[in-house]
PDB file of N, CA and C in Angstrom:
ATOM      1  N   UNK A   1       0.588  -0.949  -0.354  1.00  0.00           N
ATOM      2  CA  UNK A   1       0.056   0.069   0.150  1.00  0.00           C
ATOM      3  C   UNK A   1       1.198   1.260   0.040  1.00  0.00           C
ATOM      4  N   UNK A   2       0.302   2.247  -0.875  1.00  0.00           N
ATOM      5  CA  UNK A   2       1.446   3.412  -1.088  1.00  0.00           C
ATOM      6  C   UNK A   2       0.916   4.482   0.345  1.00  0.00           C
ATOM      7  N   UNK A   3       2.040   4.675   0.366  1.00  0.00           N
ATOM      8  CA  UNK A   3       2.074   5.839   1.188  1.00  0.00           C
ATOM      9  C   UNK A   3       1.716   7.355   1.233  1.00  0.00           C
ATOM     10  N   UNK A   4       0.823   8.157   1.519  1.00  0.00           N
ATOM     11  CA  UNK A   4       0.113   8.812   1.449  1.00  0.00           C
ATOM     12  C   UNK A   4       1.081  10.686   1.322  1.00  0.00           C
ATOM     13  N   UNK A   5       1.081  11.261   0.826  1.00  0.00           N
ATOM     14  CA  UNK A   5       1.945  12.695   0.584  1.00  0.00           C
ATOM     15  C   UNK A   5       1.786  13.330   2.447  1.00  0.00           C
ATOM     16  N   UNK A   6       1.080  13.298   3.046  1.00  0.00           N
ATOM     17  CA  UNK A   6       1.038  13.797   4.517  1.00  0.00           C
ATOM     18  C   UNK A   6       1.143  12.836   5.513  1.00  0.00           C
ATOM     19  N   UNK A   7       1.804  11.490   5.165  1.00  0.00           N
ATOM     20  CA  UNK A   7       1.989  10.631   5.920  1.00  0.00           C
ATOM     21  C   UNK A   7       3.533  11.219   5.798  1.00  0.00           C
ATOM     22  N   UNK A   8       3.868  11.137   4.832  1.00  0.00           N
ATOM     23  CA  UNK A   8       5.731  11.165   4.641  1.00  0.00           C
ATOM     24  C   UNK A   8       6.082  12.568   4.954  1.00  0.00           C
ATOM     25  N   UNK A   9       5.333  13.389   5.107  1.00  0.00           N
ATOM     26  CA  UNK A   9       5.156  14.840   5.100  1.00  0.00           C
ATOM     27  C   UNK A   9       5.619  15.038   6.820  1.00  0.00           C
ATOM     28  N   UNK A  10       4.821  14.189   7.767  1.00  0.00           N
ATOM     29  CA  UNK A  10       4.379  14.270   9.190  1.00  0.00           C
ATOM     30  C   UNK A  10       5.728  13.188   9.206  1.00  0.00           C
ATOM     31  N   UNK A  11       6.534  12.051   8.772  1.00  0.00           N
ATOM     32  CA  UNK A  11       7.462  11.701   8.937  1.00  0.00           C
ATOM     33  C   UNK A  11       8.714  12.729   8.921  1.00  0.00           C
ATOM     34  N   UNK A  12       8.828  13.523   7.806  1.00  0.00           N
ATOM     35  CA  UNK A  12       9.662  14.598   7.463  1.00  0.00           C
ATOM     36  C   UNK A  12       9.915  15.684   8.446  1.00  0.00           C
ATOM     37  N   UNK A  13       8.377  16.030   9.154  1.00  0.00           N
ATOM     38  CA  UNK A  13       8.375  16.647  10.480  1.00  0.00           C
ATOM     39  C   UNK A  13       8.832  16.281  11.428  1.00  0.00           C
ATOM     40  N   UNK A  14       8.495  14.777  11.789  1.00  0.00           N
ATOM     41  CA  UNK A  14       9.134  14.361  12.942  1.00  0.00           C
ATOM     42  C   UNK A  14      10.559  14.334  13.351  1.00  0.00           C
ATOM     43  N   UNK A  15      11.238  14.161  12.669  1.00  0.00           N
ATOM     44  CA  UNK A  15      12.843  13.462  11.910  1.00  0.00           C
ATOM     45  C   UNK A  15      13.488  14.724  12.306  1.00  0.00           C
ATOM     46  N   UNK A  16      12.977  16.059  11.364  1.00  0.00           N
ATOM     47  CA  UNK A  16      13.330  17.326  11.470  1.00  0.00           C
ATOM     48  C   UNK A  16      12.920  17.810  12.669  1.00  0.00           C
ATOM     49  N   UNK A  17      12.156  17.761  13.461  1.00  0.00           N
ATOM     50  CA  UNK A  17      12.222  18.634  14.843  1.00  0.00           C
ATOM     51  C   UNK A  17      12.538  17.993  15.752  1.00  0.00           C
ATOM     52  N   UNK A  18      12.993  16.469  15.564  1.00  0.00           N
ATOM     53  CA  UNK A  18      13.983  15.610  16.656  1.00  0.00           C
ATOM     54  C   UNK A  18      15.552  15.941  15.883  1.00  0.00           C
ATOM     55  N   UNK A  19      15.685  16.350  14.794  1.00  0.00           N
ATOM     56  CA  UNK A  19      16.971  16.673  14.865  1.00  0.00           C
ATOM     57  C   UNK A  19      17.642  18.507  15.062  1.00  0.00           C
ATOM     58  N   UNK A  20      16.451  18.742  15.122  1.00  0.00           N
ATOM     59  CA  UNK A  20      16.861  20.382  15.496  1.00  0.00           C
ATOM     60  C   UNK A  20      16.841  20.111  16.676  1.00  0.00           C
ATOM     61  N   UNK A  21      15.730  19.977  17.972  1.00  0.00           N
ATOM     62  CA  UNK A  21      16.467  19.269  19.151  1.00  0.00           C
ATOM     63  C   UNK A  21      17.314  19.317  19.716  1.00  0.00           C
ATOM     64  N   UNK A  22      17.891  17.799  19.048  1.00  0.00           N
ATOM     65  CA  UNK A  22      19.132  17.817  19.344  1.00  0.00           C
ATOM     66  C   UNK A  22      20.613  18.594  18.988  1.00  0.00           C
ATOM     67  N   UNK A  23      20.362  19.485  17.935  1.00  0.00           N
ATOM     68  CA  UNK A  23      21.147  20.866  17.628  1.00  0.00           C
ATOM     69  C   UNK A  23      21.155  22.026  18.779  1.00  0.00           C
ATOM     70  N   UNK A  24      20.141  22.094  19.189  1.00  0.00           N
ATOM     71  CA  UNK A  24      19.593  23.202  20.386  1.00  0.00           C
ATOM     72  C   UNK A  24      20.300  22.677  21.594  1.00  0.00           C
ATOM     73  N   UNK A  25      20.301  21.091  21.613  1.00  0.00           N
ATOM     74  CA  UNK A  25      20.469  20.636  23.268  1.00  0.00           C
ATOM     75  C   UNK A  25      22.078  20.750  23.168  1.00  0.00           C
ATOM     76  N   UNK A  26      22.887  20.946  22.316  1.00  0.00           N
ATOM     77  CA  UNK A  26      24.339  20.709  21.941  1.00  0.00           C
ATOM     78  C   UNK A  26      24.726  21.946  22.481  1.00  0.00           C
ATOM     79  N   UNK A  27      26.132  21.771  23.716  1.00  0.00           N
ATOM     80  CA  UNK A  27      25.914  22.985  24.502  1.00  0.00           C
ATOM     81  C   UNK A  27      27.007  23.525  23.394  1.00  0.00           C
ATOM     82  N   UNK A  28      27.880  22.881  22.552  1.00  0.00           N
ATOM     83  CA  UNK A  28      28.941  23.712  21.986  1.00  0.00           C
ATOM     84  C   UNK A  28      28.414  25.586  20.791  1.00  0.00           C
ATOM     85  N   UNK A  29      28.531  26.408  21.224  1.00  0.00           N
ATOM     86  CA  UNK A  29      28.411  27.696  20.986  1.00  0.00           C
ATOM     87  C   UNK A  29      28.099  27.827  19.459  1.00  0.00           C
ATOM     88  N   UNK A  30      28.933  26.382  18.849  1.00  0.00           N
ATOM     89  CA  UNK A  30      29.344  27.019  17.291  1.00  0.00           C
ATOM     90  C   UNK A  30      28.114  26.428  16.510  1.00  0.00           C
ATOM     91  N   UNK A  31      27.441  25.609  17.406  1.00  0.00           N
ATOM     92  CA  UNK A  31      26.356  24.404  16.661  1.00  0.00           C
ATOM     93  C   UNK A  31      24.995  25.029  16.969  1.00  0.00           C
ATOM     94  N   UNK A  32      24.813  26.440  17.195  1.00  0.00           N
ATOM     95  CA  UNK A  32      23.136  26.842  17.672  1.00  0.00           C
ATOM     96  C   UNK A  32      23.842  28.370  17.774  1.00  0.00           C
ATOM     97  N   UNK A  33      22.500  29.034  17.872  1.00  0.00           N
ATOM     98  CA  UNK A  33      22.754  30.406  17.543  1.00  0.00           C
ATOM     99  C   UNK A  33      23.108  31.505  18.713  1.00  0.00           C
ATOM    100  N   UNK A  34      23.919  32.465  18.636  1.00  0.00           N
ATOM    101  CA  UNK A  34      24.240  33.138  19.435  1.00  0.00           C
ATOM    102  C   UNK A  34      22.914  34.146  20.012  1.00  0.00           C
ATOM    103  N   UNK A  35      22.985  34.425  21.503  1.00  0.00           N
ATOM    104  CA  UNK A  35      21.306  35.404  21.661  1.00  0.00           C
ATOM    105  C   UNK A  35      21.668  36.835  20.644  1.00  0.00           C
ATOM    106  N   UNK A  36      22.879  37.231  20.599  1.00  0.00           N
ATOM    107  CA  UNK A  36      22.846  38.404  19.546  1.00  0.00           C
ATOM    108  C   UNK A  36      22.128  38.617  18.140  1.00  0.00           C
ATOM    109  N   UNK A  37      23.055  36.870  17.815  1.00  0.00           N
ATOM    110  CA  UNK A  37      22.303  36.314  16.407  1.00  0.00           C
ATOM    111  C   UNK A  37      21.594  35.095  16.544  1.00  0.00           C
ATOM    112  N   UNK A  38      20.056  35.535  16.498  1.00  0.00           N
ATOM    113  CA  UNK A  38      19.684  34.467  16.576  1.00  0.00           C
ATOM    114  C   UNK A  38      19.141  33.766  15.506  1.00  0.00           C
ATOM    115  N   UNK A  39      19.106  34.438  14.328  1.00  0.00           N
ATOM    116  CA  UNK A  39      18.908  33.728  13.112  1.00  0.00           C
ATOM    117  C   UNK A  39      20.014  33.735  12.351  1.00  0.00           C
ATOM    118  N   UNK A  40      20.193  32.202  12.205  1.00  0.00           N
ATOM    119  CA  UNK A  40      21.741  32.073  11.113  1.00  0.00           C
ATOM    120  C   UNK A  40      21.678  32.685  10.049  1.00  0.00           C
ATOM    121  N   UNK A  41      22.331  32.902   9.166  1.00  0.00           N
ATOM    122  CA  UNK A  41      22.428  33.862   8.059  1.00  0.00           C
ATOM    123  C   UNK A  41      23.834  32.269   7.115  1.00  0.00           C
ATOM    124  N   UNK A  42      22.819  32.492   5.358  1.00  0.00           N
ATOM    125  CA  UNK A  42      23.617  31.401   4.837  1.00  0.00           C
ATOM    126  C   UNK A  42      25.181  32.313   4.823  1.00  0.00           C
ATOM    127  N   UNK A  43      25.061  32.819   5.160  1.00  0.00           N
ATOM    128  CA  UNK A  43      26.988  34.057   4.616  1.00  0.00           C
ATOM    129  C   UNK A  43      28.167  33.428   5.523  1.00  0.00           C
ATOM    130  N   UNK A  44      27.508  32.719   6.487  1.00  0.00           N
ATOM    131  CA  UNK A  44      28.423  32.264   7.753  1.00  0.00           C
ATOM    132  C   UNK A  44      28.482  30.964   7.027  1.00  0.00           C
ATOM    133  N   UNK A  45      29.380  30.727   6.318  1.00  0.00           N
ATOM    134  CA  UNK A  45      30.424  28.751   5.840  1.00  0.00           C
ATOM    135  C   UNK A  45      30.204  28.044   7.022  1.00  0.00           C
ATOM    136  N   UNK A  46      30.405  28.093   8.345  1.00  0.00           N
ATOM    137  CA  UNK A  46      30.120  27.115   9.394  1.00  0.00           C
ATOM    138  C   UNK A  46      28.695  26.588   9.776  1.00  0.00           C
ATOM    139  N   UNK A  47      27.886  28.314   9.244  1.00  0.00           N
ATOM    140  CA  UNK A  47      26.547  27.541   9.445  1.00  0.00           C
ATOM    141  C   UNK A  47      25.783  26.950   8.288  1.00  0.00           C
ATOM    142  N   UNK A  48      26.158  27.333   7.067  1.00  0.00           N
ATOM    143  CA  UNK A  48      26.053  26.449   5.953  1.00  0.00           C
ATOM    144  C   UNK A  48      26.645  25.482   5.882  1.00  0.00           C
ATOM    145  N   UNK A  49      27.766  24.875   6.311  1.00  0.00           N
ATOM    146  CA  UNK A  49      28.199  23.489   6.415  1.00  0.00           C
ATOM    147  C   UNK A  49      27.255  22.568   7.200  1.00  0.00           C
ATOM    148  N   UNK A  50      26.914  23.114   8.296  1.00  0.00           N
ATOM    149  CA  UNK A  50      25.831  22.526  10.176  1.00  0.00           C
ATOM    150  C   UNK A  50      24.603  22.180   9.250  1.00  0.00           C
ATOM    151  N   UNK A  51      24.104  23.319   8.322  1.00  0.00           N
ATOM    152  CA  UNK A  51      22.422  23.121   7.843  1.00  0.00           C
ATOM    153  C   UNK A  51      22.479  22.145   7.069  1.00  0.00           C
ATOM    154  N   UNK A  52      23.914  22.252   5.983  1.00  0.00           N
ATOM    155  CA  UNK A  52      24.068  20.756   5.005  1.00  0.00           C
ATOM    156  C   UNK A  52      24.207  19.291   5.670  1.00  0.00           C
ATOM    157  N   UNK A  53      24.827  19.432   7.089  1.00  0.00           N
ATOM    158  CA  UNK A  53      25.131  18.059   7.572  1.00  0.00           C
ATOM    159  C   UNK A  53      23.340  17.835   8.433  1.00  0.00           C
ATOM    160  N   UNK A  54      22.988  18.907   8.951  1.00  0.00           N
ATOM    161  CA  UNK A  54      21.031  18.443   9.606  1.00  0.00           C
ATOM    162  C   UNK A  54      20.573  18.083   8.128  1.00  0.00           C
ATOM    163  N   UNK A  55      20.850  18.472   7.315  1.00  0.00           N
ATOM    164  CA  UNK A  55      19.841  18.118   6.365  1.00  0.00           C
ATOM    165  C   UNK A  55      20.139  16.754   5.906  1.00  0.00           C
ATOM    166  N   UNK A  56      21.525  16.497   5.875  1.00  0.00           N
ATOM    167  CA  UNK A  56      21.967  15.351   5.095  1.00  0.00           C
ATOM    168  C   UNK A  56      21.388  14.220   6.459  1.00  0.00           C
ATOM    169  N   UNK A  57      21.749  14.223   7.356  1.00  0.00           N
ATOM    170  CA  UNK A  57      20.945  13.433   8.985  1.00  0.00           C
ATOM    171  C   UNK A  57      19.782  12.945   8.716  1.00  0.00           C
ATOM    172  N   UNK A  58      18.654  14.375   8.150  1.00  0.00           N
ATOM    173  CA  UNK A  58      17.322  14.289   8.958  1.00  0.00           C
ATOM    174  C   UNK A  58      16.925  13.753   7.565  1.00  0.00           C
ATOM    175  N   UNK A  59      17.508  13.936   6.136  1.00  0.00           N
ATOM    176  CA  UNK A  59      16.676  13.553   5.476  1.00  0.00           C
ATOM    177  C   UNK A  59      16.954  12.579   4.551  1.00  0.00           C
ATOM    178  N   UNK A  60      18.642  12.015   4.696  1.00  0.00           N
ATOM    179  CA  UNK A  60      19.272  11.083   4.234  1.00  0.00           C
ATOM    180  C   UNK A  60      18.577   9.502   4.026  1.00  0.00           C
ATOM    181  N   UNK A  61      17.627   9.223   5.024  1.00  0.00           N
ATOM    182  CA  UNK A  61      17.648   8.015   5.151  1.00  0.00           C
ATOM    183  C   UNK A  61      15.606   7.457   4.839  1.00  0.00           C
ATOM    184  N   UNK A  62      15.604   8.965   4.212  1.00  0.00           N
ATOM    185  CA  UNK A  62      13.891   8.746   3.436  1.00  0.00           C
ATOM    186  C   UNK A  62      14.044   8.285   2.375  1.00  0.00           C
ATOM    187  N   UNK A  63      13.428   7.405   1.959  1.00  0.00           N
ATOM    188  CA  UNK A  63      13.506   6.291   0.625  1.00  0.00           C
ATOM    189  C   UNK A  63      12.595   7.562  -0.577  1.00  0.00           C
ATOM    190  N   UNK A  64      12.652   7.291  -1.608  1.00  0.00           N
ATOM    191  CA  UNK A  64      12.222   8.169  -2.580  1.00  0.00           C
ATOM    192  C   UNK A  64      11.459   7.266  -2.966  1.00  0.00           C
ATOM    193  N   UNK A  65      10.229   7.186  -3.102  1.00  0.00           N
ATOM    194  CA  UNK A  65       9.043   6.356  -3.939  1.00  0.00           C
ATOM    195  C   UNK A  65       8.197   6.985  -4.949  1.00  0.00           C
ATOM    196  N   UNK A  66       8.061   6.326  -6.379  1.00  0.00           N
ATOM    197  CA  UNK A  66       7.950   6.477  -7.457  1.00  0.00           C
ATOM    198  C   UNK A  66       6.507   6.687  -7.405  1.00  0.00           C
ATOM    199  N   UNK A  67       6.039   7.603  -8.002  1.00  0.00           N
ATOM    200  CA  UNK A  67       4.071   7.450  -8.458  1.00  0.00           C
ATOM    201  C   UNK A  67       3.974   6.253  -8.824  1.00  0.00           C
ATOM    202  N   UNK A  68       2.754   5.739  -8.458  1.00  0.00           N
ATOM    203  CA  UNK A  68       1.998   4.606  -9.519  1.00  0.00           C
ATOM    204  C   UNK A  68       1.293   5.138 -11.011  1.00  0.00           C
ATOM    205  N   UNK A  69       0.795   4.227 -11.192  1.00  0.00           N
ATOM    206  CA  UNK A  69       0.359   4.424 -12.716  1.00  0.00           C
ATOM    207  C   UNK A  69      -0.964   5.159 -12.671  1.00  0.00           C
ATOM    208  N   UNK A  70      -1.689   4.995 -11.661  1.00  0.00           N
ATOM    209  CA  UNK A  70      -3.063   6.051 -11.740  1.00  0.00           C
ATOM    210  C   UNK A  70      -2.897   7.291 -11.451  1.00  0.00           C
ATOM    211  N   UNK A  71      -1.422   7.166 -10.208  1.00  0.00           N
ATOM    212  CA  UNK A  71      -1.162   8.525 -10.028  1.00  0.00           C
ATOM    213  C   UNK A  71      -0.639   9.556 -11.284  1.00  0.00           C
ATOM    214  N   UNK A  72       0.243   9.214 -12.055  1.00  0.00           N
ATOM    215  CA  UNK A  72       0.443   9.569 -13.731  1.00  0.00           C
ATOM    216  C   UNK A  72      -0.360  10.013 -14.249  1.00  0.00           C
ATOM    217  N   UNK A  73      -1.069   9.345 -14.554  1.00  0.00           N
ATOM    218  CA  UNK A  73      -2.276   9.117 -15.305  1.00  0.00           C
ATOM    219  C   UNK A  73      -3.773  10.593 -15.187  1.00  0.00           C
ATOM    220  N   UNK A  74      -3.383  10.362 -13.618  1.00  0.00           N
ATOM    221  CA  UNK A  74      -4.413  11.746 -13.522  1.00  0.00           C
ATOM    222  C   UNK A  74      -3.900  12.770 -13.700  1.00  0.00           C
ATOM    223  N   UNK A  75      -2.024  13.090 -13.494  1.00  0.00           N
ATOM    224  CA  UNK A  75      -1.435  14.502 -13.758  1.00  0.00           C
ATOM    225  C   UNK A  75      -1.456  14.738 -14.892  1.00  0.00           C
ATOM    226  N   UNK A  76      -0.999  13.403 -15.829  1.00  0.00           N
ATOM    227  CA  UNK A  76      -1.118  13.441 -17.258  1.00  0.00           C
ATOM    228  C   UNK A  76      -2.460  14.049 -17.370  1.00  0.00           C
ATOM    229  N   UNK A  77      -3.812  13.380 -17.194  1.00  0.00           N
ATOM    230  CA  UNK A  77      -4.771  13.956 -17.325  1.00  0.00           C
ATOM    231  C   UNK A  77      -5.340  15.400 -16.836  1.00  0.00           C
ATOM    232  N   UNK A  78      -5.050  15.835 -15.911  1.00  0.00           N
ATOM    233  CA  UNK A  78      -4.931  17.193 -15.552  1.00  0.00           C
ATOM    234  C   UNK A  78      -4.336  18.319 -16.543  1.00  0.00           C
ATOM    235  N   UNK A  79      -2.717  18.093 -16.766  1.00  0.00           N
ATOM    236  CA  UNK A  79      -2.214  18.793 -18.074  1.00  0.00           C
ATOM    237  C   UNK A  79      -3.121  18.850 -18.761  1.00  0.00           C
ATOM    238  N   UNK A  80      -3.928  17.768 -19.400  1.00  0.00           N
ATOM    239  CA  UNK A  80      -4.531  18.027 -20.717  1.00  0.00           C
ATOM    240  C   UNK A  80      -5.782  18.594 -20.575  1.00  0.00           C
ATOM    241  N   UNK A  81      -6.226  19.097 -19.543  1.00  0.00           N
ATOM    242  CA  UNK A  81      -7.400  19.557 -19.158  1.00  0.00           C
ATOM    243  C   UNK A  81      -8.687  18.966 -19.049  1.00  0.00           C
ATOM    244  N   UNK A  82      -8.413  17.572 -19.127  1.00  0.00           N
ATOM    245  CA  UNK A  82      -9.434  16.955 -19.104  1.00  0.00           C
ATOM    246  C   UNK A  82     -10.470  17.968 -18.072  1.00  0.00           C
ATOM    247  N   UNK A  83     -11.929  17.994 -17.960  1.00  0.00           N
ATOM    248  CA  UNK A  83     -12.604  18.554 -17.034  1.00  0.00           C
ATOM    249  C   UNK A  83     -12.799  17.982 -15.861  1.00  0.00           C
ATOM    250  N   UNK A  84     -12.608  16.662 -15.746  1.00  0.00           N
ATOM    251  CA  UNK A  84     -13.020  15.891 -14.725  1.00  0.00           C
ATOM    252  C   UNK A  84     -11.999  16.161 -13.604  1.00  0.00           C
ATOM    253  N   UNK A  85     -10.659  16.416 -14.529  1.00  0.00           N
ATOM    254  CA  UNK A  85      -9.603  16.222 -13.490  1.00  0.00           C
ATOM    255  C   UNK A  85      -9.208  17.886 -13.166  1.00  0.00           C
ATOM    256  N   UNK A  86      -9.736  18.776 -13.383  1.00  0.00           N
ATOM    257  CA  UNK A  86      -9.771  20.269 -12.754  1.00  0.00           C
ATOM    258  C   UNK A  86     -10.394  20.365 -11.558  1.00  0.00           C
ATOM    259  N   UNK A  87      -9.989  21.274 -10.957  1.00  0.00           N
ATOM    260  CA  UNK A  87     -10.434  21.759  -9.635  1.00  0.00           C
ATOM    261  C   UNK A  87     -12.032  22.324  -9.869  1.00  0.00           C
ATOM    262  N   UNK A  88     -12.299  21.925  -8.425  1.00  0.00           N
ATOM    263  CA  UNK A  88     -14.461  21.987  -8.758  1.00  0.00           C
ATOM    264  C   UNK A  88     -14.569  23.450  -7.874  1.00  0.00           C
ATOM    265  N   UNK A  89     -13.641  24.103  -6.876  1.00  0.00           N
ATOM    266  CA  UNK A  89     -13.533  25.450  -6.044  1.00  0.00           C
ATOM    267  C   UNK A  89     -12.151  25.778  -6.639  1.00  0.00           C
ATOM    268  N   UNK A  90     -12.547  27.176  -6.814  1.00  0.00           N
ATOM    269  CA  UNK A  90     -10.968  27.795  -6.471  1.00  0.00           C
ATOM    270  C   UNK A  90     -10.665  27.974  -5.170  1.00  0.00           C
ATOM    271  N   UNK A  91      -9.486  28.603  -4.966  1.00  0.00           N
ATOM    272  CA  UNK A  91      -8.424  28.568  -3.978  1.00  0.00           C
ATOM    273  C   UNK A  91      -9.247  29.426  -2.964  1.00  0.00           C
ATOM    274  N   UNK A  92      -9.319  30.792  -3.560  1.00  0.00           N
ATOM    275  CA  UNK A  92     -10.727  32.071  -2.504  1.00  0.00           C
ATOM    276  C   UNK A  92     -11.676  31.331  -2.503  1.00  0.00           C
ATOM    277  N   UNK A  93     -12.820  30.613  -2.657  1.00  0.00           N
ATOM    278  CA  UNK A  93     -13.463  29.961  -2.446  1.00  0.00           C
ATOM    279  C   UNK A  93     -13.679  28.650  -1.493  1.00  0.00           C
ATOM    280  N   UNK A  94     -12.531  28.664  -1.520  1.00  0.00           N
ATOM    281  CA  UNK A  94     -12.430  27.423  -0.252  1.00  0.00           C
ATOM    282  C   UNK A  94     -12.087  28.039   0.731  1.00  0.00           C
ATOM    283  N   UNK A  95     -11.211  29.218   0.639  1.00  0.00           N
ATOM    284  CA  UNK A  95     -10.422  29.707   1.851  1.00  0.00           C
ATOM    285  C   UNK A  95     -11.746  30.630   2.772  1.00  0.00           C
ATOM    286  N   UNK A  96     -12.570  30.845   1.792  1.00  0.00           N
ATOM    287  CA  UNK A  96     -13.673  32.189   2.210  1.00  0.00           C
ATOM    288  C   UNK A  96     -15.242  30.686   2.700  1.00  0.00           C
ATOM    289  N   UNK A  97     -14.755  29.615   2.162  1.00  0.00           N
ATOM    290  CA  UNK A  97     -16.001  28.579   3.031  1.00  0.00           C
ATOM    291  C   UNK A  97     -15.057  28.271   4.009  1.00  0.00           C
ATOM    292  N   UNK A  98     -13.856  27.716   4.332  1.00  0.00           N
ATOM    293  CA  UNK A  98     -13.244  27.590   5.554  1.00  0.00           C
ATOM    294  C   UNK A  98     -13.040  29.082   6.558  1.00  0.00           C
ATOM    295  N   UNK A  99     -13.735  29.831   6.140  1.00  0.00           N
ATOM    296  CA  UNK A  99     -13.710  30.945   7.325  1.00  0.00           C
ATOM    297  C   UNK A  99     -12.608  32.224   7.162  1.00  0.00           C
ATOM    298  N   UNK A 100     -11.341  31.460   6.616  1.00  0.00           N
ATOM    299  CA  UNK A 100     -10.133  31.584   6.676  1.00  0.00           C
ATOM    300  C   UNK A 100      -9.676  33.176   6.088  1.00  0.00           C
ATOM    301  N   UNK A 101      -8.948  33.768   6.376  1.00  0.00           N
ATOM    302  CA  UNK A 101      -8.688  35.401   6.043  1.00  0.00           C
ATOM    303  C   UNK A 101      -7.173  35.646   5.558  1.00  0.00           C
ATOM    304  N   UNK A 102      -6.495  35.880   4.488  1.00  0.00           N
ATOM    305  CA  UNK A 102      -5.304  36.147   4.420  1.00  0.00           C
ATOM    306  C   UNK A 102      -5.181  37.650   3.893  1.00  0.00           C
TER     307      UNK A 102
END
C-alpha cells in the first residue's frame, strides 16, 4: 500500500524536529545561534556546513517512492485539461468556505 504525501510529510517533520532539538541541546556555541544573532545566515560558512549536515542526517535515510501508474495518469489528465480532473472550487472560494482570511 502506498504511503500518502501527508504521511511522508509528518515523518519528515518528526525527524526534522527531533534533529533540531538535538542541535539546540548541544552546548557547543558553534552549533547553535548566539543570543545576539538568533537567526543564522547562509553567509556564515560554518552555519552553511552545519545546515547541510543536519539536512543530510535528517533526510538522507528517507526513501524516494515512485508514483503509481494511476497517479501519473491523473496528473497527465489534469495537464491535458480533462474537465474531470480540474478543480471544482478556486482557492479563494475554499478559503472563504473555511472562514480563513489572509
